[in-house]
Amino acid sequence: MITDIRKKIVGLAILTAVAGIWLLISPFALSFPDLSQAMRNDVGFGIIVAFLAAIYASLPERATWLSWLNCLLGLWVVMSPWVLSFSTDASATWNNVITGVIIVALSAGAAIMGEERFHHPTTS
């Protein structure tokens, strides 16, 4: 039982890390046109998201807060095109919105499962 839930949590954390890696490489893969703000933002936050998710995948029993932090970072990724003024580039904007939503969803799922299993276990 605990191993099945742990595997699901680790799987979500690994998928979050993959989303972070995509965020890191997306400015190059999508050839963002001279958008240094977008490029710095996505590379920097991609590294952070992937790193935090990898740590959470290795320590889900102790580090649920890392997944909650990634939720906040995912929200930033969604908002960043407007805050950093690169929303005029459709590919950069859609990439950030879609990737940010994926990061939020995966991180929230992992965090909620981790909270329920490791921090608020049910008695049966």
Protein backbone atom coordinates (compact mmCIF):
# COMPACT_ATOMS: atom_id res chain seq x y z
CA MET A 1 0.00 0.00 0.00
CA ILE A 2 2.55 2.60 1.05
CA THR A 3 4.87 1.53 -1.74
CA ASP A 4 2.11 1.91 -4.37
CA ILE A 5 1.31 5.43 -3.18
CA ARG A 6 5.00 6.25 -2.85
CA LYS A 7 5.56 5.07 -6.44
CA LYS A 8 2.76 7.34 -7.65
CA ILE A 9 4.19 10.30 -5.76
CA VAL A 10 7.67 9.63 -7.11
CA GLY A 11 6.22 9.25 -10.61
CA LEU A 12 4.50 12.64 -10.37
CA ALA A 13 7.69 14.21 -9.06
CA ILE A 14 9.69 12.73 -11.94
CA LEU A 15 7.15 14.06 -14.45
CA THR A 16 7.46 17.46 -12.77
CA ALA A 17 11.23 17.26 -13.22
CA VAL A 18 10.70 16.43 -16.90
CA ALA A 19 8.46 19.51 -17.22
CA GLY A 20 11.24 21.54 -15.60
CA ILE A 21 13.75 20.16 -18.07
CA TRP A 22 11.40 21.07 -20.93
CA LEU A 23 11.14 24.60 -19.52
CA LEU A 24 14.94 24.72 -19.46
CA ILE A 25 15.42 23.63 -23.08
CA SER A 26 12.27 25.15 -24.60
CA PRO A 27 13.78 28.55 -25.46
CA PHE A 28 16.30 26.73 -27.64
CA ALA A 29 13.92 24.08 -29.00
CA LEU A 30 11.29 26.69 -29.89
CA SER A 31 13.85 29.29 -31.03
CA PHE A 32 12.57 32.17 -28.96
CA PRO A 33 13.38 35.29 -31.00
CA ASP A 34 15.79 37.49 -29.06
CA LEU A 35 13.72 37.32 -25.89
CA SER A 36 16.43 37.44 -23.27
CA GLN A 37 13.88 37.93 -20.47
CA ALA A 38 11.94 34.85 -21.55
CA MET A 39 15.10 32.83 -22.07
CA ARG A 40 16.63 33.72 -18.69
CA ASN A 41 13.32 33.13 -16.95
CA ASP A 42 12.68 29.74 -18.51
CA VAL A 43 16.24 28.45 -18.18
CA GLY A 44 16.51 29.60 -14.55
CA PHE A 45 13.12 28.39 -13.41
CA GLY A 46 13.48 25.19 -15.42
CA ILE A 47 16.64 24.34 -13.50
CA ILE A 48 15.00 25.16 -10.17
CA VAL A 49 11.80 23.19 -10.85
CA ALA A 50 13.71 20.13 -12.10
CA PHE A 51 16.10 20.25 -9.13
CA LEU A 52 13.34 20.57 -6.51
CA ALA A 53 11.28 17.82 -8.14
CA ALA A 54 14.28 15.49 -8.24
CA ILE A 55 14.92 16.06 -4.54
CA TYR A 56 11.25 15.46 -3.76
CA ALA A 57 11.29 12.25 -5.79
CA SER A 58 14.12 10.95 -3.60
CA LEU A 59 12.60 12.09 -0.27
CA PRO A 60 8.80 12.19 -0.59
CA GLU A 61 8.26 11.28 3.05
CA ARG A 62 10.16 14.35 4.28
CA ALA A 63 9.99 16.99 1.59
CA THR A 64 6.37 17.56 0.61
CA TRP A 65 6.99 21.29 0.94
CA LEU A 66 9.27 21.13 -2.12
CA SER A 67 6.33 20.07 -4.24
CA TRP A 68 4.23 22.93 -2.83
CA LEU A 69 7.09 25.28 -3.69
CA ASN A 70 7.06 23.95 -7.25
CA CYS A 71 3.33 24.76 -7.40
CA LEU A 72 4.16 28.38 -6.67
CA LEU A 73 6.95 28.34 -9.24
CA GLY A 74 4.54 26.90 -11.78
CA LEU A 75 2.15 29.80 -11.12
CA TRP A 76 5.04 32.20 -11.74
CA VAL A 77 5.81 30.45 -15.03
CA VAL A 78 2.17 30.98 -16.09
CA MET A 79 2.21 34.69 -15.17
CA SER A 80 5.74 35.51 -16.28
CA PRO A 81 4.98 36.42 -19.93
CA TRP A 82 2.86 39.35 -18.74
CA VAL A 83 4.99 40.31 -15.76
CA LEU A 84 8.23 40.25 -17.78
CA SER A 85 6.59 41.72 -20.90
CA PHE A 86 7.20 38.96 -23.42
CA SER A 87 3.52 38.11 -23.95
CA THR A 88 3.71 39.50 -27.50
CA ASP A 89 5.55 36.34 -28.56
CA ALA A 90 2.88 33.67 -28.93
CA SER A 91 5.20 30.65 -28.78
CA ALA A 92 6.94 31.82 -25.60
CA THR A 93 3.63 32.77 -23.97
CA TRP A 94 1.81 29.54 -24.81
CA ASN A 95 4.84 27.49 -23.83
CA ASN A 96 4.96 29.15 -20.43
CA VAL A 97 1.23 28.92 -19.82
CA ILE A 98 0.98 25.25 -20.78
CA THR A 99 4.21 24.21 -19.04
CA GLY A 100 3.31 26.23 -15.93
CA VAL A 101 -0.13 24.60 -15.70
CA ILE A 102 1.47 21.16 -16.07
CA ILE A 103 3.99 21.97 -13.31
CA VAL A 104 1.21 23.19 -11.01
CA ALA A 105 -0.99 20.14 -11.66
CA LEU A 106 1.77 17.55 -11.24
CA SER A 107 3.28 19.25 -8.19
CA ALA A 108 -0.09 19.73 -6.51
CA GLY A 109 -0.99 16.10 -7.16
CA ALA A 110 2.29 14.89 -5.66
CA ALA A 111 2.03 17.26 -2.69
CA ILE A 112 -1.58 16.34 -1.90
CA MET A 113 -0.82 12.63 -2.11
CA GLY A 114 2.27 13.13 0.04
CA GLU A 115 0.37 15.13 2.66
CA GLU A 116 -2.41 12.54 2.84
CA ARG A 117 -0.08 9.55 3.01
CA PHE A 118 2.88 10.72 5.03
CA HIS A 119 1.62 13.58 7.15
CA HIS A 120 -2.03 12.74 7.77
CA PRO A 121 -2.27 8.96 7.60
CA THR A 122 -5.73 7.50 7.96
CA THR A 123 -6.40 4.85 10.53
CA SER A 124 -8.22 1.82 9.18
